[in-house]
Every structure is written in C-alpha cells, then in structure tokens.
Amino acid sequence: MKIHNRFLYILGFLCLLAFNASASPTLEIEEDHDEVMEAVQQGLIQPFSALQAKVNAQLNGRIIRVELEEDDDIWIYDLKLLDPHNNIVRVEYEARTLSIIEIKGRGLENIIKVSE
C-alpha cells in the first residue's frame, strides 16, 4: 500500500513539472542580443510584454512559441498559438507597431476575438 501511495505521489509531481514546463512559451531570437536590446531602446521593437498584452486583447489562444527576426530592416515577431480547440495557429506581428502581418492555421474563427 505504501509503494502505491509513493508511486501516485511521484506521478503527480512529474505531471506538475510537465505542466509548468509547458505553460511558458519558448522565445527564440535569431539576431544578436545586443542588437535586439538596441532596437528596443530605439523604439524599433515593442517589448515582449506589450506583445503579450496585444495578443491577449486580439486573440483567443495561448502563446506556445515566439521568434523574433529582422528581415530587410523590419523586425517581425513570429508566434505559434494554441487555440481553444487545440489547433496551432501561426501569427506574424510587425514588432514596432504590433500590427498583424499574417495569420495562418485551422479554425481561425475560434482564435480571432470579435469586438462588441
């Protein structure tokens, strides 16, 4: 009986660790860290916290991956979100204005919040 309880305790602990590890998105920056910090200071990139607030206001989904890249002097946040029906949706935001450039995936009607 004690072995059974210990097994359940360990299993529960491992599940809790797995949940915490998957709860935060990964952030990949393809550019030099100093270059990114300078771009933020110059106003070329909005900070990640501003991006999170914008995503929460516009979309029904959880950010599971974020990439930041520069392409022809334009900074782009490339996100992967998990919608309420477990579809993966890819969204690109222009990093300076936080406007959506592109959105792709299944079930987009479930992810886009409608203003009332």
PDB file of N, CA and C in Angstrom:
ATOM      1  N   MET A   1       0.814  -1.189   0.000  1.00  0.00           N
ATOM      2  CA  MET A   1       0.000   0.000   0.000  1.00  0.00           C
ATOM      3  C   MET A   1       0.860   1.258   0.000  1.00  0.00           C
ATOM      4  N   LYS A   2       1.967   1.248   0.784  1.00  0.00           N
ATOM      5  CA  LYS A   2       2.832   2.410   0.829  1.00  0.00           C
ATOM      6  C   LYS A   2       3.509   2.652  -0.505  1.00  0.00           C
ATOM      7  N   ILE A   3       3.882   1.595  -1.192  1.00  0.00           N
ATOM      8  CA  ILE A   3       4.522   1.732  -2.503  1.00  0.00           C
ATOM      9  C   ILE A   3       3.552   2.359  -3.487  1.00  0.00           C
ATOM     10  N   HIS A   4       2.293   1.956  -3.426  1.00  0.00           N
ATOM     11  CA  HIS A   4       1.261   2.505  -4.311  1.00  0.00           C
ATOM     12  C   HIS A   4       1.105   4.006  -4.069  1.00  0.00           C
ATOM     13  N   ASN A   5       1.062   4.455  -2.814  1.00  0.00           N
ATOM     14  CA  ASN A   5       0.940   5.882  -2.493  1.00  0.00           C
ATOM     15  C   ASN A   5       2.168   6.664  -2.958  1.00  0.00           C
ATOM     16  N   ARG A   6       3.340   6.080  -2.752  1.00  0.00           N
ATOM     17  CA  ARG A   6       4.571   6.747  -3.185  1.00  0.00           C
ATOM     18  C   ARG A   6       4.575   6.896  -4.710  1.00  0.00           C
ATOM     19  N   PHE A   7       4.139   5.867  -5.424  1.00  0.00           N
ATOM     20  CA  PHE A   7       4.060   5.918  -6.877  1.00  0.00           C
ATOM     21  C   PHE A   7       3.119   7.036  -7.321  1.00  0.00           C
ATOM     22  N   LEU A   8       1.956   7.142  -6.705  1.00  0.00           N
ATOM     23  CA  LEU A   8       0.997   8.197  -7.057  1.00  0.00           C
ATOM     24  C   LEU A   8       1.566   9.585  -6.762  1.00  0.00           C
ATOM     25  N   TYR A   9       2.280   9.714  -5.659  1.00  0.00           N
ATOM     26  CA  TYR A   9       2.898  10.991  -5.297  1.00  0.00           C
ATOM     27  C   TYR A   9       3.932  11.396  -6.354  1.00  0.00           C
ATOM     28  N   ILE A  10       4.781  10.469  -6.744  1.00  0.00           N
ATOM     29  CA  ILE A  10       5.812  10.743  -7.748  1.00  0.00           C
ATOM     30  C   ILE A  10       5.168  11.055  -9.093  1.00  0.00           C
ATOM     31  N   LEU A  11       4.155  10.306  -9.465  1.00  0.00           N
ATOM     32  CA  LEU A  11       3.460  10.544 -10.728  1.00  0.00           C
ATOM     33  C   LEU A  11       2.828  11.936 -10.737  1.00  0.00           C
ATOM     34  N   GLY A  12       2.183  12.310  -9.644  1.00  0.00           N
ATOM     35  CA  GLY A  12       1.586  13.640  -9.537  1.00  0.00           C
ATOM     36  C   GLY A  12       2.631  14.742  -9.631  1.00  0.00           C
ATOM     37  N   PHE A  13       3.756  14.548  -8.984  1.00  0.00           N
ATOM     38  CA  PHE A  13       4.840  15.534  -9.025  1.00  0.00           C
ATOM     39  C   PHE A  13       5.377  15.689 -10.443  1.00  0.00           C
ATOM     40  N   LEU A  14       5.569  14.579 -11.155  1.00  0.00           N
ATOM     41  CA  LEU A  14       6.062  14.637 -12.528  1.00  0.00           C
ATOM     42  C   LEU A  14       5.067  15.328 -13.450  1.00  0.00           C
ATOM     43  N   CYS A  15       3.782  15.088 -13.244  1.00  0.00           N
ATOM     44  CA  CYS A  15       2.751  15.764 -14.039  1.00  0.00           C
ATOM     45  C   CYS A  15       2.776  17.265 -13.782  1.00  0.00           C
ATOM     46  N   LEU A  16       2.963  17.660 -12.539  1.00  0.00           N
ATOM     47  CA  LEU A  16       3.045  19.075 -12.190  1.00  0.00           C
ATOM     48  C   LEU A  16       4.256  19.724 -12.853  1.00  0.00           C
ATOM     49  N   LEU A  17       5.398  19.048 -12.856  1.00  0.00           N
ATOM     50  CA  LEU A  17       6.587  19.578 -13.521  1.00  0.00           C
ATOM     51  C   LEU A  17       6.371  19.714 -15.026  1.00  0.00           C
ATOM     52  N   ALA A  18       5.743  18.727 -15.621  1.00  0.00           N
ATOM     53  CA  ALA A  18       5.485  18.776 -17.060  1.00  0.00           C
ATOM     54  C   ALA A  18       4.542  19.918 -17.395  1.00  0.00           C
ATOM     55  N   PHE A  19       3.526  20.160 -16.557  1.00  0.00           N
ATOM     56  CA  PHE A  19       2.585  21.253 -16.797  1.00  0.00           C
ATOM     57  C   PHE A  19       3.295  22.594 -16.704  1.00  0.00           C
ATOM     58  N   ASN A  20       4.129  22.786 -15.697  1.00  0.00           N
ATOM     59  CA  ASN A  20       4.847  24.050 -15.538  1.00  0.00           C
ATOM     60  C   ASN A  20       5.819  24.283 -16.686  1.00  0.00           C
ATOM     61  N   ALA A  21       6.444  23.236 -17.159  1.00  0.00           N
ATOM     62  CA  ALA A  21       7.394  23.379 -18.261  1.00  0.00           C
ATOM     63  C   ALA A  21       6.686  23.757 -19.546  1.00  0.00           C
ATOM     64  N   SER A  22       5.472  23.269 -19.753  1.00  0.00           N
ATOM     65  CA  SER A  22       4.750  23.561 -20.987  1.00  0.00           C
ATOM     66  C   SER A  22       3.930  24.836 -20.884  1.00  0.00           C
ATOM     67  N   ALA A  23       3.817  25.434 -19.719  1.00  0.00           N
ATOM     68  CA  ALA A  23       2.969  26.605 -19.538  1.00  0.00           C
ATOM     69  C   ALA A  23       3.598  27.874 -20.089  1.00  0.00           C
ATOM     70  N   SER A  24       4.908  27.946 -20.183  1.00  0.00           N
ATOM     71  CA  SER A  24       5.537  29.166 -20.672  1.00  0.00           C
ATOM     72  C   SER A  24       6.047  28.954 -22.091  1.00  0.00           C
ATOM     73  N   PRO A  25       5.864  29.975 -22.941  1.00  0.00           N
ATOM     74  CA  PRO A  25       6.309  29.820 -24.325  1.00  0.00           C
ATOM     75  C   PRO A  25       7.819  29.892 -24.438  1.00  0.00           C
ATOM     76  N   THR A  26       8.335  29.301 -25.495  1.00  0.00           N
ATOM     77  CA  THR A  26       9.758  29.432 -25.767  1.00  0.00           C
ATOM     78  C   THR A  26       9.961  30.684 -26.600  1.00  0.00           C
ATOM     79  N   LEU A  27      11.055  31.344 -26.384  1.00  0.00           N
ATOM     80  CA  LEU A  27      11.383  32.558 -27.119  1.00  0.00           C
ATOM     81  C   LEU A  27      12.708  32.351 -27.819  1.00  0.00           C
ATOM     82  N   GLU A  28      12.693  32.494 -29.135  1.00  0.00           N
ATOM     83  CA  GLU A  28      13.908  32.368 -29.918  1.00  0.00           C
ATOM     84  C   GLU A  28      14.195  33.697 -30.587  1.00  0.00           C
ATOM     85  N   ILE A  29      15.408  34.167 -30.442  1.00  0.00           N
ATOM     86  CA  ILE A  29      15.833  35.399 -31.084  1.00  0.00           C
ATOM     87  C   ILE A  29      16.960  35.040 -32.037  1.00  0.00           C
ATOM     88  N   GLU A  30      16.696  35.246 -33.331  1.00  0.00           N
ATOM     89  CA  GLU A  30      17.672  34.862 -34.339  1.00  0.00           C
ATOM     90  C   GLU A  30      18.774  35.902 -34.501  1.00  0.00           C
ATOM     91  N   GLU A  31      18.612  37.054 -33.894  1.00  0.00           N
ATOM     92  CA  GLU A  31      19.578  38.129 -34.032  1.00  0.00           C
ATOM     93  C   GLU A  31      20.432  38.211 -32.772  1.00  0.00           C
ATOM     94  N   ASP A  32      21.484  39.018 -32.819  1.00  0.00           N
ATOM     95  CA  ASP A  32      22.374  39.259 -31.694  1.00  0.00           C
ATOM     96  C   ASP A  32      21.616  39.950 -30.575  1.00  0.00           C
ATOM     97  N   HIS A  33      21.804  39.490 -29.354  1.00  0.00           N
ATOM     98  CA  HIS A  33      21.085  40.028 -28.195  1.00  0.00           C
ATOM     99  C   HIS A  33      21.298  41.534 -28.038  1.00  0.00           C
ATOM    100  N   ASP A  34      22.524  42.006 -28.221  1.00  0.00           N
ATOM    101  CA  ASP A  34      22.804  43.442 -28.106  1.00  0.00           C
ATOM    102  C   ASP A  34      22.061  44.235 -29.173  1.00  0.00           C
ATOM    103  N   GLU A  35      21.982  43.680 -30.364  1.00  0.00           N
ATOM    104  CA  GLU A  35      21.267  44.336 -31.460  1.00  0.00           C
ATOM    105  C   GLU A  35      19.775  44.446 -31.129  1.00  0.00           C
ATOM    106  N   VAL A  36      19.225  43.421 -30.526  1.00  0.00           N
ATOM    107  CA  VAL A  36      17.818  43.433 -30.141  1.00  0.00           C
ATOM    108  C   VAL A  36      17.582  44.473 -29.052  1.00  0.00           C
ATOM    109  N   MET A  37      18.437  44.513 -28.043  1.00  0.00           N
ATOM    110  CA  MET A  37      18.270  45.480 -26.957  1.00  0.00           C
ATOM    111  C   MET A  37      18.368  46.911 -27.491  1.00  0.00           C
ATOM    112  N   GLU A  38      19.266  47.148 -28.418  1.00  0.00           N
ATOM    113  CA  GLU A  38      19.410  48.476 -29.022  1.00  0.00           C
ATOM    114  C   GLU A  38      18.149  48.827 -29.822  1.00  0.00           C
ATOM    115  N   ALA A  39      17.606  47.872 -30.537  1.00  0.00           N
ATOM    116  CA  ALA A  39      16.388  48.108 -31.315  1.00  0.00           C
ATOM    117  C   ALA A  39      15.202  48.423 -30.406  1.00  0.00           C
ATOM    118  N   VAL A  40      15.124  47.779 -29.253  1.00  0.00           N
ATOM    119  CA  VAL A  40      14.061  48.079 -28.284  1.00  0.00           C
ATOM    120  C   VAL A  40      14.228  49.503 -27.770  1.00  0.00           C
ATOM    121  N   GLN A  41      15.441  49.873 -27.423  1.00  0.00           N
ATOM    122  CA  GLN A  41      15.706  51.219 -26.905  1.00  0.00           C
ATOM    123  C   GLN A  41      15.409  52.294 -27.948  1.00  0.00           C
ATOM    124  N   GLN A  42      15.606  51.984 -29.223  1.00  0.00           N
ATOM    125  CA  GLN A  42      15.340  52.938 -30.298  1.00  0.00           C
ATOM    126  C   GLN A  42      13.863  52.955 -30.702  1.00  0.00           C
ATOM    127  N   GLY A  43      13.062  52.073 -30.122  1.00  0.00           N
ATOM    128  CA  GLY A  43      11.642  52.029 -30.459  1.00  0.00           C
ATOM    129  C   GLY A  43      11.329  51.239 -31.713  1.00  0.00           C
ATOM    130  N   LEU A  44      12.291  50.473 -32.208  1.00  0.00           N
ATOM    131  CA  LEU A  44      12.061  49.658 -33.405  1.00  0.00           C
ATOM    132  C   LEU A  44      11.324  48.367 -33.087  1.00  0.00           C
ATOM    133  N   ILE A  45      11.376  47.964 -31.819  1.00  0.00           N
ATOM    134  CA  ILE A  45      10.726  46.738 -31.363  1.00  0.00           C
ATOM    135  C   ILE A  45       9.964  47.055 -30.081  1.00  0.00           C
ATOM    136  N   GLN A  46       8.712  46.625 -30.018  1.00  0.00           N
ATOM    137  CA  GLN A  46       7.963  46.695 -28.770  1.00  0.00           C
ATOM    138  C   GLN A  46       8.417  45.532 -27.892  1.00  0.00           C
ATOM    139  N   PRO A  47       8.452  45.723 -26.581  1.00  0.00           N
ATOM    140  CA  PRO A  47       8.875  44.623 -25.709  1.00  0.00           C
ATOM    141  C   PRO A  47       7.881  43.467 -25.736  1.00  0.00           C
ATOM    142  N   PHE A  48       8.369  42.309 -25.329  1.00  0.00           N
ATOM    143  CA  PHE A  48       7.544  41.103 -25.340  1.00  0.00           C
ATOM    144  C   PHE A  48       6.282  41.263 -24.487  1.00  0.00           C
ATOM    145  N   SER A  49       6.369  41.992 -23.382  1.00  0.00           N
ATOM    146  CA  SER A  49       5.195  42.198 -22.524  1.00  0.00           C
ATOM    147  C   SER A  49       4.092  42.940 -23.275  1.00  0.00           C
ATOM    148  N   ALA A  50       4.462  43.898 -24.128  1.00  0.00           N
ATOM    149  CA  ALA A  50       3.471  44.608 -24.941  1.00  0.00           C
ATOM    150  C   ALA A  50       2.849  43.667 -25.973  1.00  0.00           C
ATOM    151  N   LEU A  51       3.664  42.790 -26.535  1.00  0.00           N
ATOM    152  CA  LEU A  51       3.157  41.801 -27.484  1.00  0.00           C
ATOM    153  C   LEU A  51       2.158  40.874 -26.804  1.00  0.00           C
ATOM    154  N   GLN A  52       2.485  40.394 -25.604  1.00  0.00           N
ATOM    155  CA  GLN A  52       1.566  39.518 -24.872  1.00  0.00           C
ATOM    156  C   GLN A  52       0.233  40.212 -24.622  1.00  0.00           C
ATOM    157  N   ALA A  53       0.271  41.471 -24.227  1.00  0.00           N
ATOM    158  CA  ALA A  53      -0.967  42.220 -23.971  1.00  0.00           C
ATOM    159  C   ALA A  53      -1.790  42.356 -25.252  1.00  0.00           C
ATOM    160  N   LYS A  54      -1.135  42.619 -26.363  1.00  0.00           N
ATOM    161  CA  LYS A  54      -1.824  42.756 -27.660  1.00  0.00           C
ATOM    162  C   LYS A  54      -2.458  41.439 -28.076  1.00  0.00           C
ATOM    163  N   VAL A  55      -1.712  40.344 -27.927  1.00  0.00           N
ATOM    164  CA  VAL A  55      -2.234  39.021 -28.287  1.00  0.00           C
ATOM    165  C   VAL A  55      -3.456  38.694 -27.419  1.00  0.00           C
ATOM    166  N   ASN A  56      -3.360  38.957 -26.116  1.00  0.00           N
ATOM    167  CA  ASN A  56      -4.485  38.679 -25.220  1.00  0.00           C
ATOM    168  C   ASN A  56      -5.717  39.504 -25.574  1.00  0.00           C
ATOM    169  N   ALA A  57      -5.521  40.726 -26.082  1.00  0.00           N
ATOM    170  CA  ALA A  57      -6.646  41.583 -26.453  1.00  0.00           C
ATOM    171  C   ALA A  57      -7.272  41.163 -27.785  1.00  0.00           C
ATOM    172  N   GLN A  58      -6.472  40.611 -28.697  1.00  0.00           N
ATOM    173  CA  GLN A  58      -6.951  40.318 -30.047  1.00  0.00           C
ATOM    174  C   GLN A  58      -7.315  38.860 -30.304  1.00  0.00           C
ATOM    175  N   LEU A  59      -6.661  37.949 -29.602  1.00  0.00           N
ATOM    176  CA  LEU A  59      -6.769  36.537 -29.976  1.00  0.00           C
ATOM    177  C   LEU A  59      -7.117  35.652 -28.787  1.00  0.00           C
ATOM    178  N   ASN A  60      -7.871  34.590 -29.071  1.00  0.00           N
ATOM    179  CA  ASN A  60      -8.182  33.554 -28.088  1.00  0.00           C
ATOM    180  C   ASN A  60      -7.193  32.417 -28.285  1.00  0.00           C
ATOM    181  N   GLY A  61      -6.124  32.459 -27.588  1.00  0.00           N
ATOM    182  CA  GLY A  61      -5.132  31.408 -27.732  1.00  0.00           C
ATOM    183  C   GLY A  61      -3.996  31.624 -26.761  1.00  0.00           C
ATOM    184  N   ARG A  62      -3.233  30.573 -26.603  1.00  0.00           N
ATOM    185  CA  ARG A  62      -2.086  30.602 -25.699  1.00  0.00           C
ATOM    186  C   ARG A  62      -0.822  30.558 -26.535  1.00  0.00           C
ATOM    187  N   ILE A  63       0.087  31.490 -26.278  1.00  0.00           N
ATOM    188  CA  ILE A  63       1.359  31.532 -26.998  1.00  0.00           C
ATOM    189  C   ILE A  63       2.201  30.331 -26.567  1.00  0.00           C
ATOM    190  N   ILE A  64       2.646  29.562 -27.557  1.00  0.00           N
ATOM    191  CA  ILE A  64       3.489  28.413 -27.241  1.00  0.00           C
ATOM    192  C   ILE A  64       4.901  28.567 -27.800  1.00  0.00           C
ATOM    193  N   ARG A  65       5.076  29.516 -28.726  1.00  0.00           N
ATOM    194  CA  ARG A  65       6.418  29.744 -29.282  1.00  0.00           C
ATOM    195  C   ARG A  65       6.485  31.145 -29.867  1.00  0.00           C
ATOM    196  N   VAL A  66       7.625  31.807 -29.657  1.00  0.00           N
ATOM    197  CA  VAL A  66       7.844  33.145 -30.191  1.00  0.00           C
ATOM    198  C   VAL A  66       9.225  33.201 -30.818  1.00  0.00           C
ATOM    199  N   GLU A  67       9.286  33.753 -32.016  1.00  0.00           N
ATOM    200  CA  GLU A  67      10.562  34.010 -32.660  1.00  0.00           C
ATOM    201  C   GLU A  67      10.605  35.480 -33.039  1.00  0.00           C
ATOM    202  N   LEU A  68      11.760  36.086 -32.903  1.00  0.00           N
ATOM    203  CA  LEU A  68      11.969  37.469 -33.299  1.00  0.00           C
ATOM    204  C   LEU A  68      13.061  37.481 -34.351  1.00  0.00           C
ATOM    205  N   GLU A  69      12.763  38.095 -35.494  1.00  0.00           N
ATOM    206  CA  GLU A  69      13.733  38.122 -36.569  1.00  0.00           C
ATOM    207  C   GLU A  69      13.682  39.466 -37.292  1.00  0.00           C
ATOM    208  N   GLU A  70      14.778  39.814 -37.917  1.00  0.00           N
ATOM    209  CA  GLU A  70      14.855  41.032 -38.708  1.00  0.00           C
ATOM    210  C   GLU A  70      14.973  40.630 -40.167  1.00  0.00           C
ATOM    211  N   ASP A  71      14.129  41.259 -40.995  1.00  0.00           N
ATOM    212  CA  ASP A  71      14.148  40.967 -42.422  1.00  0.00           C
ATOM    213  C   ASP A  71      14.035  42.298 -43.170  1.00  0.00           C
ATOM    214  N   ASP A  72      15.073  42.683 -43.883  1.00  0.00           N
ATOM    215  CA  ASP A  72      15.102  43.960 -44.618  1.00  0.00           C
ATOM    216  C   ASP A  72      14.766  45.141 -43.713  1.00  0.00           C
ATOM    217  N   ASP A  73      15.422  45.202 -42.555  1.00  0.00           N
ATOM    218  CA  ASP A  73      15.249  46.284 -41.572  1.00  0.00           C
ATOM    219  C   ASP A  73      13.850  46.339 -40.963  1.00  0.00           C
ATOM    220  N   ILE A  74      13.083  45.272 -41.087  1.00  0.00           N
ATOM    221  CA  ILE A  74      11.767  45.186 -40.444  1.00  0.00           C
ATOM    222  C   ILE A  74      11.822  44.036 -39.447  1.00  0.00           C
ATOM    223  N   TRP A  75      11.517  44.350 -38.201  1.00  0.00           N
ATOM    224  CA  TRP A  75      11.516  43.343 -37.142  1.00  0.00           C
ATOM    225  C   TRP A  75      10.147  42.680 -37.097  1.00  0.00           C
ATOM    226  N   ILE A  76      10.157  41.348 -36.983  1.00  0.00           N
ATOM    227  CA  ILE A  76       8.916  40.578 -37.002  1.00  0.00           C
ATOM    228  C   ILE A  76       8.902  39.594 -35.836  1.00  0.00           C
ATOM    229  N   TYR A  77       7.784  39.610 -35.100  1.00  0.00           N
ATOM    230  CA  TYR A  77       7.521  38.568 -34.108  1.00  0.00           C
ATOM    231  C   TYR A  77       6.733  37.482 -34.829  1.00  0.00           C
ATOM    232  N   ASP A  78       7.237  36.273 -34.804  1.00  0.00           N
ATOM    233  CA  ASP A  78       6.570  35.117 -35.406  1.00  0.00           C
ATOM    234  C   ASP A  78       6.107  34.228 -34.254  1.00  0.00           C
ATOM    235  N   LEU A  79       4.788  34.105 -34.092  1.00  0.00           N
ATOM    236  CA  LEU A  79       4.222  33.372 -32.964  1.00  0.00           C
ATOM    237  C   LEU A  79       3.512  32.112 -33.423  1.00  0.00           C
ATOM    238  N   LYS A  80       3.517  31.129 -32.550  1.00  0.00           N
ATOM    239  CA  LYS A  80       2.645  29.970 -32.687  1.00  0.00           C
ATOM    240  C   LYS A  80       1.755  29.976 -31.462  1.00  0.00           C
ATOM    241  N   LEU A  81       0.455  29.854 -31.710  1.00  0.00           N
ATOM    242  CA  LEU A  81      -0.531  29.853 -30.635  1.00  0.00           C
ATOM    243  C   LEU A  81      -1.316  28.555 -30.671  1.00  0.00           C
ATOM    244  N   LEU A  82      -1.827  28.191 -29.538  1.00  0.00           N
ATOM    245  CA  LEU A  82      -2.713  27.049 -29.411  1.00  0.00           C
ATOM    246  C   LEU A  82      -4.099  27.611 -29.133  1.00  0.00           C
ATOM    247  N   ASP A  83      -5.053  27.353 -30.047  1.00  0.00           N
ATOM    248  CA  ASP A  83      -6.392  27.913 -29.883  1.00  0.00           C
ATOM    249  C   ASP A  83      -7.227  27.056 -28.922  1.00  0.00           C
ATOM    250  N   PRO A  84      -8.445  27.494 -28.580  1.00  0.00           N
ATOM    251  CA  PRO A  84      -9.266  26.743 -27.625  1.00  0.00           C
ATOM    252  C   PRO A  84      -9.593  25.304 -28.048  1.00  0.00           C
ATOM    253  N   HIS A  85      -9.459  24.997 -29.353  1.00  0.00           N
ATOM    254  CA  HIS A  85      -9.740  23.643 -29.842  1.00  0.00           C
ATOM    255  C   HIS A  85      -8.455  22.887 -30.167  1.00  0.00           C
ATOM    256  N   ASN A  86      -7.328  23.345 -29.606  1.00  0.00           N
ATOM    257  CA  ASN A  86      -6.007  22.719 -29.759  1.00  0.00           C
ATOM    258  C   ASN A  86      -5.470  22.735 -31.183  1.00  0.00           C
ATOM    259  N   ASN A  87      -5.898  23.713 -31.988  1.00  0.00           N
ATOM    260  CA  ASN A  87      -5.300  23.936 -33.297  1.00  0.00           C
ATOM    261  C   ASN A  87      -4.105  24.863 -33.117  1.00  0.00           C
ATOM    262  N   ILE A  88      -3.077  24.629 -33.905  1.00  0.00           N
ATOM    263  CA  ILE A  88      -1.916  25.521 -33.877  1.00  0.00           C
ATOM    264  C   ILE A  88      -2.109  26.577 -34.959  1.00  0.00           C
ATOM    265  N   VAL A  89      -1.957  27.830 -34.549  1.00  0.00           N
ATOM    266  CA  VAL A  89      -2.128  28.964 -35.447  1.00  0.00           C
ATOM    267  C   VAL A  89      -0.837  29.761 -35.449  1.00  0.00           C
ATOM    268  N   ARG A  90      -0.401  30.177 -36.634  1.00  0.00           N
ATOM    269  CA  ARG A  90       0.815  30.975 -36.779  1.00  0.00           C
ATOM    270  C   ARG A  90       0.408  32.413 -37.063  1.00  0.00           C
ATOM    271  N   VAL A  91       0.985  33.345 -36.299  1.00  0.00           N
ATOM    272  CA  VAL A  91       0.675  34.760 -36.445  1.00  0.00           C
ATOM    273  C   VAL A  91       1.981  35.541 -36.512  1.00  0.00           C
ATOM    274  N   GLU A  92       2.072  36.443 -37.489  1.00  0.00           N
ATOM    275  CA  GLU A  92       3.225  37.334 -37.587  1.00  0.00           C
ATOM    276  C   GLU A  92       2.780  38.745 -37.238  1.00  0.00           C
ATOM    277  N   TYR A  93       3.530  39.366 -36.329  1.00  0.00           N
ATOM    278  CA  TYR A  93       3.301  40.748 -35.936  1.00  0.00           C
ATOM    279  C   TYR A  93       4.489  41.591 -36.348  1.00  0.00           C
ATOM    280  N   GLU A  94       4.222  42.787 -36.859  1.00  0.00           N
ATOM    281  CA  GLU A  94       5.281  43.758 -37.094  1.00  0.00           C
ATOM    282  C   GLU A  94       5.689  44.241 -35.713  1.00  0.00           C
ATOM    283  N   ALA A  95       6.960  44.115 -35.347  1.00  0.00           N
ATOM    284  CA  ALA A  95       7.406  44.306 -33.970  1.00  0.00           C
ATOM    285  C   ALA A  95       7.361  45.759 -33.492  1.00  0.00           C
ATOM    286  N   ARG A  96       7.396  46.733 -34.398  1.00  0.00           N
ATOM    287  CA  ARG A  96       7.368  48.134 -33.979  1.00  0.00           C
ATOM    288  C   ARG A  96       5.953  48.580 -33.647  1.00  0.00           C
ATOM    289  N   THR A  97       4.978  48.214 -34.481  1.00  0.00           N
ATOM    290  CA  THR A  97       3.604  48.682 -34.302  1.00  0.00           C
ATOM    291  C   THR A  97       2.699  47.631 -33.667  1.00  0.00           C
ATOM    292  N   LEU A  98       3.166  46.394 -33.616  1.00  0.00           N
ATOM    293  CA  LEU A  98       2.382  45.249 -33.139  1.00  0.00           C
ATOM    294  C   LEU A  98       1.090  45.076 -33.937  1.00  0.00           C
ATOM    295  N   SER A  99       1.182  45.318 -35.234  1.00  0.00           N
ATOM    296  CA  SER A  99       0.049  45.049 -36.114  1.00  0.00           C
ATOM    297  C   SER A  99       0.247  43.680 -36.759  1.00  0.00           C
ATOM    298  N   ILE A 100      -0.845  42.982 -36.972  1.00  0.00           N
ATOM    299  CA  ILE A 100      -0.776  41.645 -37.560  1.00  0.00           C
ATOM    300  C   ILE A 100      -0.428  41.765 -39.038  1.00  0.00           C
ATOM    301  N   ILE A 101       0.596  41.032 -39.433  1.00  0.00           N
ATOM    302  CA  ILE A 101       1.010  40.972 -40.834  1.00  0.00           C
ATOM    303  C   ILE A 101       0.319  39.802 -41.523  1.00  0.00           C
ATOM    304  N   GLU A 102       0.321  38.652 -40.825  1.00  0.00           N
ATOM    305  CA  GLU A 102      -0.224  37.433 -41.424  1.00  0.00           C
ATOM    306  C   GLU A 102      -0.715  36.514 -40.317  1.00  0.00           C
ATOM    307  N   ILE A 103      -1.783  35.796 -40.615  1.00  0.00           N
ATOM    308  CA  ILE A 103      -2.302  34.798 -39.683  1.00  0.00           C
ATOM    309  C   ILE A 103      -2.706  33.574 -40.500  1.00  0.00           C
ATOM    310  N   LYS A 104      -2.221  32.404 -40.063  1.00  0.00           N
ATOM    311  CA  LYS A 104      -2.482  31.156 -40.795  1.00  0.00           C
ATOM    312  C   LYS A 104      -2.818  30.055 -39.810  1.00  0.00           C
ATOM    313  N   GLY A 105      -3.667  29.165 -40.243  1.00  0.00           N
ATOM    314  CA  GLY A 105      -3.980  27.992 -39.448  1.00  0.00           C
ATOM    315  C   GLY A 105      -5.420  27.563 -39.613  1.00  0.00           C
ATOM    316  N   ARG A 106      -5.759  26.513 -38.926  1.00  0.00           N
ATOM    317  CA  ARG A 106      -7.126  25.999 -38.952  1.00  0.00           C
ATOM    318  C   ARG A 106      -7.945  26.645 -37.852  1.00  0.00           C
ATOM    319  N   GLY A 107      -9.219  26.789 -38.093  1.00  0.00           N
ATOM    320  CA  GLY A 107     -10.121  27.281 -37.070  1.00  0.00           C
ATOM    321  C   GLY A 107      -9.894  28.723 -36.687  1.00  0.00           C
ATOM    322  N   LEU A 108      -9.563  29.566 -37.654  1.00  0.00           N
ATOM    323  CA  LEU A 108      -9.291  30.970 -37.335  1.00  0.00           C
ATOM    324  C   LEU A 108     -10.506  31.665 -36.729  1.00  0.00           C
ATOM    325  N   GLU A 109     -11.687  31.166 -37.035  1.00  0.00           N
ATOM    326  CA  GLU A 109     -12.900  31.760 -36.444  1.00  0.00           C
ATOM    327  C   GLU A 109     -12.934  31.576 -34.929  1.00  0.00           C
ATOM    328  N   ASN A 110     -12.177  30.614 -34.416  1.00  0.00           N
ATOM    329  CA  ASN A 110     -12.115  30.381 -32.966  1.00  0.00           C
ATOM    330  C   ASN A 110     -11.053  31.221 -32.278  1.00  0.00           C
ATOM    331  N   ILE A 111     -10.097  31.724 -33.012  1.00  0.00           N
ATOM    332  CA  ILE A 111      -8.983  32.416 -32.367  1.00  0.00           C
ATOM    333  C   ILE A 111      -9.121  33.929 -32.380  1.00  0.00           C
ATOM    334  N   ILE A 112      -9.771  34.486 -33.381  1.00  0.00           N
ATOM    335  CA  ILE A 112      -9.879  35.941 -33.502  1.00  0.00           C
ATOM    336  C   ILE A 112     -11.029  36.434 -32.622  1.00  0.00           C
ATOM    337  N   LYS A 113     -10.695  37.352 -31.700  1.00  0.00           N
ATOM    338  CA  LYS A 113     -11.712  37.943 -30.845  1.00  0.00           C
ATOM    339  C   LYS A 113     -12.467  39.000 -31.628  1.00  0.00           C
ATOM    340  N   VAL A 114     -13.778  39.020 -31.442  1.00  0.00           N
ATOM    341  CA  VAL A 114     -14.616  39.988 -32.119  1.00  0.00           C
ATOM    342  C   VAL A 114     -14.959  41.094 -31.132  1.00  0.00           C
ATOM    343  N   SER A 115     -14.698  42.339 -31.517  1.00  0.00           N
ATOM    344  CA  SER A 115     -15.032  43.476 -30.645  1.00  0.00           C
ATOM    345  C   SER A 115     -16.533  43.708 -30.681  1.00  0.00           C
ATOM    346  N   GLU A 116     -17.085  43.948 -29.519  1.00  0.00           N
ATOM    347  CA  GLU A 116     -18.530  44.194 -29.447  1.00  0.00           C
ATOM    348  C   GLU A 116     -18.797  45.601 -29.036  1.00  0.00           C
TER     349      GLU A 116
END
